[in-house]
Amino acid sequence: MSLFKTFAAVACASVIAATSAAFAGPDKKNRVSGQSIAKLYSGKTWIWSKGGSYWAPDGSFQAIWGDSVGLGKWYATSKGNLCYEAVWYDGKGAAGSQHNECFRHVADSQGQLWKYSDKDKSWYKPTREFAERVKPGNEISSQVRKLRRKYGV
């Protein structure tokens, strides 16, 4: 085999191997510890398209979505889930509705964090989410206070 053909074959194999590794995706069995998940979210606000959620260090949970407010608790599980249990109030005369939700986290073979989207039914790398939408402190406290007063909760 000529030197050029050998080089081309090695280069092609390298590209295929690199591409396979880059698109390997999450290892659904490589769960992130509950302690690691708690550290990622505790004391931070996760900004959503129509509001956000605050994950207090004491385990309390506050969120707003449009003109609704959710109040409850949050926790991280040993299976890599970030969960909240909250009663949501929206002023439609109801006492509030219970809603529980969990966000699954795993890592790939390189240690990269992956998160599951229930909405899209797919895995994604939350790198940009943590850089742009998960902020230190409680950025929704004034809106939560306003809605709690409005709904008497």
N, C-alpha and C. Protein backbone atom coordinates (compact mmCIF):
# COMPACT_ATOMS: atom_id res chain seq x y z
N MET A 1 0.85 -1.16 0.00
CA MET A 1 0.00 0.00 0.00
C MET A 1 0.90 1.23 0.00
N SER A 2 0.56 2.18 -0.81
CA SER A 2 1.40 3.38 -0.89
C SER A 2 1.28 4.18 0.40
N LEU A 3 2.25 5.04 0.63
CA LEU A 3 2.25 5.89 1.81
C LEU A 3 1.00 6.77 1.84
N PHE A 4 0.60 7.30 0.68
CA PHE A 4 -0.60 8.15 0.60
C PHE A 4 -1.85 7.37 1.01
N LYS A 5 -1.99 6.14 0.49
CA LYS A 5 -3.16 5.33 0.82
C LYS A 5 -3.18 4.97 2.30
N THR A 6 -2.01 4.67 2.86
CA THR A 6 -1.92 4.36 4.28
C THR A 6 -2.34 5.57 5.11
N PHE A 7 -1.80 6.74 4.76
CA PHE A 7 -2.14 7.97 5.47
C PHE A 7 -3.64 8.26 5.36
N ALA A 8 -4.20 8.11 4.18
CA ALA A 8 -5.62 8.36 3.96
C ALA A 8 -6.47 7.40 4.78
N ALA A 9 -6.09 6.14 4.84
CA ALA A 9 -6.85 5.15 5.61
C ALA A 9 -6.79 5.46 7.10
N VAL A 10 -5.62 5.84 7.60
CA VAL A 10 -5.48 6.19 9.02
C VAL A 10 -6.28 7.45 9.34
N ALA A 11 -6.21 8.45 8.47
CA ALA A 11 -6.94 9.69 8.68
C ALA A 11 -8.44 9.42 8.69
N CYS A 12 -8.90 8.62 7.76
CA CYS A 12 -10.33 8.30 7.67
C CYS A 12 -10.78 7.56 8.94
N ALA A 13 -10.00 6.59 9.38
CA ALA A 13 -10.33 5.84 10.59
C ALA A 13 -10.36 6.75 11.81
N SER A 14 -9.43 7.70 11.88
CA SER A 14 -9.39 8.65 13.00
C SER A 14 -10.63 9.52 13.03
N VAL A 15 -11.06 10.01 11.87
CA VAL A 15 -12.26 10.84 11.79
C VAL A 15 -13.48 10.04 12.22
N ILE A 16 -13.58 8.81 11.76
CA ILE A 16 -14.72 7.96 12.14
C ILE A 16 -14.73 7.71 13.64
N ALA A 17 -13.58 7.41 14.21
CA ALA A 17 -13.49 7.15 15.65
C ALA A 17 -13.84 8.40 16.45
N ALA A 18 -13.32 9.56 16.03
CA ALA A 18 -13.61 10.82 16.72
C ALA A 18 -15.09 11.16 16.61
N THR A 19 -15.66 10.95 15.45
CA THR A 19 -17.08 11.24 15.25
C THR A 19 -17.93 10.32 16.12
N SER A 20 -17.57 9.05 16.19
CA SER A 20 -18.32 8.11 17.01
C SER A 20 -18.26 8.51 18.48
N ALA A 21 -17.07 8.91 18.95
CA ALA A 21 -16.94 9.33 20.34
C ALA A 21 -17.72 10.61 20.61
N ALA A 22 -17.70 11.54 19.67
CA ALA A 22 -18.40 12.80 19.86
C ALA A 22 -19.91 12.62 19.90
N PHE A 23 -20.41 11.63 19.18
CA PHE A 23 -21.84 11.41 19.13
C PHE A 23 -22.27 10.20 19.94
N ALA A 24 -21.39 9.75 20.84
CA ALA A 24 -21.71 8.57 21.63
C ALA A 24 -22.93 8.81 22.51
N GLY A 25 -23.11 10.02 22.98
CA GLY A 25 -24.27 10.35 23.78
C GLY A 25 -24.14 9.95 25.22
N PRO A 26 -25.21 10.12 25.96
CA PRO A 26 -25.15 9.85 27.40
C PRO A 26 -25.12 8.36 27.70
N ASP A 27 -24.49 8.02 28.79
CA ASP A 27 -24.52 6.66 29.28
C ASP A 27 -25.64 6.63 30.32
N LYS A 28 -26.79 6.12 29.96
CA LYS A 28 -27.98 6.18 30.81
C LYS A 28 -27.81 5.43 32.13
N LYS A 29 -26.76 4.62 32.23
CA LYS A 29 -26.49 3.90 33.48
C LYS A 29 -25.47 4.65 34.34
N ASN A 30 -24.83 5.67 33.81
CA ASN A 30 -23.81 6.44 34.53
C ASN A 30 -24.49 7.63 35.20
N ARG A 31 -25.20 7.34 36.26
CA ARG A 31 -25.96 8.37 36.96
C ARG A 31 -25.04 9.33 37.70
N VAL A 32 -25.46 10.57 37.77
CA VAL A 32 -24.73 11.59 38.52
C VAL A 32 -25.25 11.51 39.96
N SER A 33 -24.38 11.66 40.93
CA SER A 33 -24.80 11.53 42.32
C SER A 33 -25.78 12.63 42.72
N GLY A 34 -26.62 12.31 43.68
CA GLY A 34 -27.57 13.30 44.20
C GLY A 34 -26.85 14.50 44.78
N GLN A 35 -25.72 14.25 45.42
CA GLN A 35 -24.93 15.34 46.01
C GLN A 35 -24.43 16.28 44.91
N SER A 36 -23.99 15.74 43.78
CA SER A 36 -23.52 16.57 42.67
C SER A 36 -24.66 17.38 42.06
N ILE A 37 -25.83 16.75 41.91
CA ILE A 37 -26.99 17.45 41.36
C ILE A 37 -27.41 18.57 42.30
N ALA A 38 -27.47 18.28 43.61
CA ALA A 38 -27.85 19.30 44.58
C ALA A 38 -26.90 20.49 44.52
N LYS A 39 -25.62 20.22 44.37
CA LYS A 39 -24.61 21.28 44.30
C LYS A 39 -24.81 22.16 43.06
N LEU A 40 -25.25 21.54 41.95
CA LEU A 40 -25.47 22.30 40.71
C LEU A 40 -26.61 23.30 40.83
N TYR A 41 -27.66 22.96 41.59
CA TYR A 41 -28.87 23.78 41.62
C TYR A 41 -29.11 24.54 42.92
N SER A 42 -28.58 24.07 44.03
CA SER A 42 -28.86 24.67 45.33
C SER A 42 -28.48 26.15 45.39
N GLY A 43 -29.44 26.96 45.82
CA GLY A 43 -29.21 28.40 45.94
C GLY A 43 -29.23 29.13 44.61
N LYS A 44 -29.82 28.51 43.60
CA LYS A 44 -29.81 29.11 42.26
C LYS A 44 -31.20 29.20 41.66
N THR A 45 -31.32 30.10 40.72
CA THR A 45 -32.55 30.27 39.95
C THR A 45 -32.32 29.71 38.57
N TRP A 46 -33.24 28.89 38.12
CA TRP A 46 -33.23 28.34 36.77
C TRP A 46 -34.25 29.15 35.98
N ILE A 47 -33.80 29.94 35.05
CA ILE A 47 -34.66 30.80 34.25
C ILE A 47 -35.37 29.97 33.19
N TRP A 48 -36.70 30.08 33.15
CA TRP A 48 -37.52 29.38 32.16
C TRP A 48 -38.06 30.39 31.15
N SER A 49 -38.66 29.92 30.08
CA SER A 49 -39.16 30.82 29.03
C SER A 49 -40.26 31.75 29.53
N LYS A 50 -41.08 31.30 30.48
CA LYS A 50 -42.16 32.14 31.01
C LYS A 50 -42.05 32.30 32.52
N GLY A 51 -40.84 32.27 33.05
CA GLY A 51 -40.67 32.41 34.49
C GLY A 51 -39.37 31.81 34.95
N GLY A 52 -39.44 31.06 36.04
CA GLY A 52 -38.24 30.44 36.57
C GLY A 52 -38.53 29.72 37.87
N SER A 53 -37.50 29.06 38.38
CA SER A 53 -37.62 28.31 39.62
C SER A 53 -36.41 28.60 40.50
N TYR A 54 -36.66 28.66 41.82
CA TYR A 54 -35.57 28.87 42.77
C TYR A 54 -35.48 27.63 43.65
N TRP A 55 -34.27 27.08 43.71
CA TRP A 55 -33.97 25.85 44.43
C TRP A 55 -33.19 26.24 45.70
N ALA A 56 -33.89 26.54 46.78
CA ALA A 56 -33.26 27.05 48.00
C ALA A 56 -32.38 25.99 48.67
N PRO A 57 -31.30 26.42 49.34
CA PRO A 57 -30.42 25.47 50.03
C PRO A 57 -31.14 24.64 51.11
N ASP A 58 -32.24 25.16 51.67
CA ASP A 58 -32.97 24.42 52.70
C ASP A 58 -33.96 23.41 52.12
N GLY A 59 -34.00 23.26 50.79
CA GLY A 59 -34.89 22.30 50.16
C GLY A 59 -36.24 22.86 49.76
N SER A 60 -36.48 24.13 50.05
CA SER A 60 -37.75 24.71 49.62
C SER A 60 -37.65 25.11 48.14
N PHE A 61 -38.80 25.12 47.49
CA PHE A 61 -38.89 25.35 46.05
C PHE A 61 -39.93 26.44 45.79
N GLN A 62 -39.56 27.38 44.94
CA GLN A 62 -40.48 28.44 44.49
C GLN A 62 -40.34 28.55 42.99
N ALA A 63 -41.45 28.78 42.32
CA ALA A 63 -41.38 28.94 40.87
C ALA A 63 -42.51 29.83 40.40
N ILE A 64 -42.29 30.43 39.24
CA ILE A 64 -43.35 31.18 38.56
C ILE A 64 -43.40 30.70 37.12
N TRP A 65 -44.59 30.67 36.57
CA TRP A 65 -44.81 30.34 35.18
C TRP A 65 -45.96 31.22 34.74
N GLY A 66 -45.65 32.24 33.95
CA GLY A 66 -46.69 33.18 33.55
C GLY A 66 -47.26 33.86 34.79
N ASP A 67 -48.55 33.69 35.02
CA ASP A 67 -49.22 34.31 36.16
C ASP A 67 -49.51 33.29 37.26
N SER A 68 -48.76 32.18 37.27
CA SER A 68 -48.92 31.14 38.29
C SER A 68 -47.69 31.11 39.19
N VAL A 69 -47.90 30.67 40.41
CA VAL A 69 -46.80 30.52 41.35
C VAL A 69 -46.84 29.11 41.93
N GLY A 70 -45.68 28.47 42.02
CA GLY A 70 -45.55 27.14 42.59
C GLY A 70 -44.74 27.21 43.87
N LEU A 71 -45.21 26.52 44.91
CA LEU A 71 -44.54 26.51 46.20
C LEU A 71 -44.44 25.07 46.70
N GLY A 72 -43.26 24.69 47.16
CA GLY A 72 -43.11 23.32 47.63
C GLY A 72 -41.70 23.02 48.07
N LYS A 73 -41.24 21.81 47.71
CA LYS A 73 -39.90 21.36 48.12
C LYS A 73 -39.20 20.73 46.92
N TRP A 74 -37.89 20.62 47.03
CA TRP A 74 -37.09 19.97 45.99
C TRP A 74 -36.08 19.05 46.65
N TYR A 75 -35.59 18.10 45.84
CA TYR A 75 -34.57 17.18 46.32
C TYR A 75 -33.87 16.55 45.12
N ALA A 76 -32.69 16.01 45.38
CA ALA A 76 -31.92 15.29 44.36
C ALA A 76 -31.82 13.84 44.80
N THR A 77 -31.95 12.92 43.84
CA THR A 77 -31.93 11.50 44.18
C THR A 77 -30.59 10.85 43.82
N SER A 78 -30.37 9.67 44.38
CA SER A 78 -29.15 8.92 44.08
C SER A 78 -29.14 8.42 42.63
N LYS A 79 -30.27 8.50 41.95
CA LYS A 79 -30.36 8.08 40.55
C LYS A 79 -30.12 9.24 39.58
N GLY A 80 -29.67 10.39 40.11
CA GLY A 80 -29.34 11.52 39.24
C GLY A 80 -30.52 12.41 38.88
N ASN A 81 -31.61 12.31 39.64
CA ASN A 81 -32.78 13.13 39.34
C ASN A 81 -32.84 14.37 40.23
N LEU A 82 -33.23 15.48 39.63
CA LEU A 82 -33.56 16.70 40.35
C LEU A 82 -35.08 16.76 40.32
N CYS A 83 -35.71 16.74 41.49
CA CYS A 83 -37.17 16.67 41.55
C CYS A 83 -37.74 17.82 42.38
N TYR A 84 -38.96 18.20 42.03
CA TYR A 84 -39.70 19.11 42.87
C TYR A 84 -41.13 18.62 43.02
N GLU A 85 -41.72 18.96 44.17
CA GLU A 85 -43.12 18.70 44.47
C GLU A 85 -43.68 20.03 44.90
N ALA A 86 -44.63 20.56 44.14
CA ALA A 86 -45.14 21.89 44.44
C ALA A 86 -46.64 21.99 44.20
N VAL A 87 -47.26 22.87 44.95
CA VAL A 87 -48.64 23.24 44.71
C VAL A 87 -48.61 24.53 43.90
N TRP A 88 -49.32 24.53 42.78
CA TRP A 88 -49.36 25.68 41.88
C TRP A 88 -50.67 26.43 42.03
N TYR A 89 -50.56 27.74 42.16
CA TYR A 89 -51.72 28.62 42.30
C TYR A 89 -51.78 29.53 41.09
N ASP A 90 -52.99 29.69 40.55
CA ASP A 90 -53.11 30.55 39.37
C ASP A 90 -54.28 31.53 39.45
N GLY A 91 -54.96 31.57 40.57
CA GLY A 91 -56.03 32.55 40.75
C GLY A 91 -57.33 32.21 40.07
N LYS A 92 -57.50 31.00 39.62
CA LYS A 92 -58.74 30.62 38.95
C LYS A 92 -59.76 30.08 39.94
N GLY A 93 -59.61 30.43 41.21
CA GLY A 93 -60.56 30.02 42.22
C GLY A 93 -60.24 28.68 42.87
N ALA A 94 -59.34 27.92 42.29
CA ALA A 94 -58.98 26.63 42.86
C ALA A 94 -57.98 26.81 43.99
N ALA A 95 -57.95 25.84 44.89
CA ALA A 95 -57.03 25.91 46.02
C ALA A 95 -55.58 25.69 45.61
N GLY A 96 -55.35 25.28 44.40
CA GLY A 96 -54.00 25.00 43.91
C GLY A 96 -53.90 23.55 43.50
N SER A 97 -53.08 23.28 42.52
CA SER A 97 -52.94 21.92 42.03
C SER A 97 -51.53 21.41 42.28
N GLN A 98 -51.44 20.16 42.71
CA GLN A 98 -50.15 19.53 42.99
C GLN A 98 -49.48 19.13 41.68
N HIS A 99 -48.20 19.42 41.57
CA HIS A 99 -47.44 19.00 40.40
C HIS A 99 -46.07 18.53 40.87
N ASN A 100 -45.68 17.35 40.43
CA ASN A 100 -44.37 16.78 40.74
C ASN A 100 -43.64 16.55 39.43
N GLU A 101 -42.36 16.89 39.42
CA GLU A 101 -41.58 16.69 38.19
C GLU A 101 -40.13 16.40 38.55
N CYS A 102 -39.49 15.57 37.75
CA CYS A 102 -38.07 15.26 37.93
C CYS A 102 -37.33 15.47 36.61
N PHE A 103 -36.07 15.88 36.74
CA PHE A 103 -35.19 16.09 35.59
C PHE A 103 -34.01 15.13 35.76
N ARG A 104 -33.85 14.22 34.83
CA ARG A 104 -32.83 13.17 34.92
C ARG A 104 -31.49 13.65 34.40
N HIS A 105 -30.41 13.30 35.11
CA HIS A 105 -29.05 13.66 34.74
C HIS A 105 -28.17 12.42 34.72
N VAL A 106 -27.35 12.29 33.69
CA VAL A 106 -26.35 11.23 33.61
C VAL A 106 -25.07 11.84 33.03
N ALA A 107 -24.03 11.06 32.97
CA ALA A 107 -22.77 11.50 32.36
C ALA A 107 -22.40 10.53 31.25
N ASP A 108 -21.61 11.02 30.30
CA ASP A 108 -21.12 10.12 29.26
C ASP A 108 -19.75 9.58 29.67
N SER A 109 -19.12 8.83 28.81
CA SER A 109 -17.84 8.20 29.14
C SER A 109 -16.72 9.22 29.37
N GLN A 110 -16.92 10.44 28.89
CA GLN A 110 -15.93 11.51 29.08
C GLN A 110 -16.21 12.34 30.33
N GLY A 111 -17.31 12.04 31.04
CA GLY A 111 -17.68 12.80 32.22
C GLY A 111 -18.58 13.99 31.93
N GLN A 112 -18.98 14.18 30.67
CA GLN A 112 -19.86 15.28 30.27
C GLN A 112 -21.27 15.04 30.82
N LEU A 113 -21.85 16.06 31.43
CA LEU A 113 -23.20 15.97 31.97
C LEU A 113 -24.23 16.00 30.84
N TRP A 114 -25.25 15.16 30.95
CA TRP A 114 -26.37 15.12 30.01
C TRP A 114 -27.65 15.20 30.83
N LYS A 115 -28.67 15.78 30.24
CA LYS A 115 -29.95 15.97 30.92
C LYS A 115 -31.06 15.52 29.98
N TYR A 116 -32.11 14.91 30.54
CA TYR A 116 -33.22 14.43 29.74
C TYR A 116 -34.34 15.46 29.71
N SER A 117 -34.83 15.75 28.53
CA SER A 117 -35.95 16.67 28.36
C SER A 117 -37.23 15.87 28.19
N ASP A 118 -38.14 15.96 29.18
CA ASP A 118 -39.45 15.31 29.05
C ASP A 118 -40.23 15.90 27.89
N LYS A 119 -40.08 17.19 27.70
CA LYS A 119 -40.81 17.87 26.62
C LYS A 119 -40.43 17.32 25.26
N ASP A 120 -39.14 17.22 25.00
CA ASP A 120 -38.65 16.76 23.69
C ASP A 120 -38.40 15.25 23.65
N LYS A 121 -38.46 14.59 24.80
CA LYS A 121 -38.17 13.15 24.89
C LYS A 121 -36.78 12.83 24.33
N SER A 122 -35.81 13.68 24.72
CA SER A 122 -34.46 13.48 24.21
C SER A 122 -33.43 13.96 25.25
N TRP A 123 -32.20 13.54 25.04
CA TRP A 123 -31.08 13.93 25.89
C TRP A 123 -30.37 15.14 25.28
N TYR A 124 -29.84 16.01 26.14
CA TYR A 124 -29.05 17.14 25.66
C TYR A 124 -27.98 17.49 26.69
N LYS A 125 -26.94 18.17 26.23
CA LYS A 125 -25.88 18.65 27.12
C LYS A 125 -26.32 20.02 27.64
N PRO A 126 -26.47 20.18 28.97
CA PRO A 126 -26.96 21.45 29.50
C PRO A 126 -25.87 22.51 29.71
N THR A 127 -24.78 22.42 28.98
CA THR A 127 -23.67 23.35 29.14
C THR A 127 -24.14 24.80 29.00
N ARG A 128 -24.84 25.08 27.93
CA ARG A 128 -25.33 26.45 27.69
C ARG A 128 -26.38 26.85 28.73
N GLU A 129 -27.21 25.89 29.12
CA GLU A 129 -28.23 26.15 30.14
C GLU A 129 -27.59 26.63 31.43
N PHE A 130 -26.53 25.94 31.88
CA PHE A 130 -25.87 26.35 33.12
C PHE A 130 -25.11 27.66 32.95
N ALA A 131 -24.63 27.93 31.78
CA ALA A 131 -23.91 29.19 31.54
C ALA A 131 -24.84 30.39 31.46
N GLU A 132 -26.04 30.19 30.91
CA GLU A 132 -26.93 31.32 30.63
C GLU A 132 -28.23 31.35 31.43
N ARG A 133 -28.73 30.21 31.89
CA ARG A 133 -30.06 30.19 32.48
C ARG A 133 -30.12 29.75 33.94
N VAL A 134 -29.04 29.24 34.49
CA VAL A 134 -28.99 28.89 35.90
C VAL A 134 -28.10 29.92 36.58
N LYS A 135 -28.75 30.77 37.40
CA LYS A 135 -28.07 31.93 37.99
C LYS A 135 -28.00 31.80 39.51
N PRO A 136 -26.90 32.28 40.11
CA PRO A 136 -26.82 32.26 41.57
C PRO A 136 -27.86 33.18 42.20
N GLY A 137 -28.39 32.78 43.34
CA GLY A 137 -29.34 33.60 44.08
C GLY A 137 -30.78 33.40 43.61
N ASN A 138 -31.67 34.12 44.27
CA ASN A 138 -33.10 34.03 43.97
C ASN A 138 -33.52 35.22 43.12
N GLU A 139 -33.60 35.00 41.82
CA GLU A 139 -33.95 36.08 40.89
C GLU A 139 -35.45 36.23 40.67
N ILE A 140 -36.25 35.40 41.34
CA ILE A 140 -37.70 35.48 41.14
C ILE A 140 -38.44 35.86 42.42
N SER A 141 -37.72 36.20 43.48
CA SER A 141 -38.35 36.42 44.79
C SER A 141 -39.42 37.51 44.75
N SER A 142 -39.18 38.61 44.05
CA SER A 142 -40.18 39.68 44.03
C SER A 142 -41.45 39.25 43.30
N GLN A 143 -41.31 38.50 42.20
CA GLN A 143 -42.49 38.01 41.48
C GLN A 143 -43.25 36.98 42.31
N VAL A 144 -42.53 36.14 43.04
CA VAL A 144 -43.17 35.14 43.91
C VAL A 144 -43.96 35.86 45.00
N ARG A 145 -43.35 36.85 45.66
CA ARG A 145 -44.05 37.62 46.71
C ARG A 145 -45.31 38.26 46.15
N LYS A 146 -45.22 38.85 44.98
CA LYS A 146 -46.36 39.51 44.35
C LYS A 146 -47.50 38.53 44.08
N LEU A 147 -47.18 37.39 43.53
CA LEU A 147 -48.22 36.39 43.21
C LEU A 147 -48.77 35.75 44.49
N ARG A 148 -47.94 35.56 45.49
CA ARG A 148 -48.44 35.00 46.77
C ARG A 148 -49.45 35.96 47.41
N ARG A 149 -49.14 37.25 47.37
CA ARG A 149 -50.09 38.24 47.90
C ARG A 149 -51.38 38.23 47.09
N LYS A 150 -51.24 38.20 45.79
CA LYS A 150 -52.40 38.22 44.88
C LYS A 150 -53.33 37.05 45.13
N TYR A 151 -52.76 35.84 45.39
CA TYR A 151 -53.57 34.65 45.56
C TYR A 151 -53.81 34.28 47.03
N GLY A 152 -53.23 35.07 47.94
CA GLY A 152 -53.44 34.81 49.37
C GLY A 152 -52.78 33.54 49.87
N VAL A 153 -51.61 33.23 49.36
CA VAL A 153 -50.90 32.02 49.82
C VAL A 153 -49.53 32.36 50.39
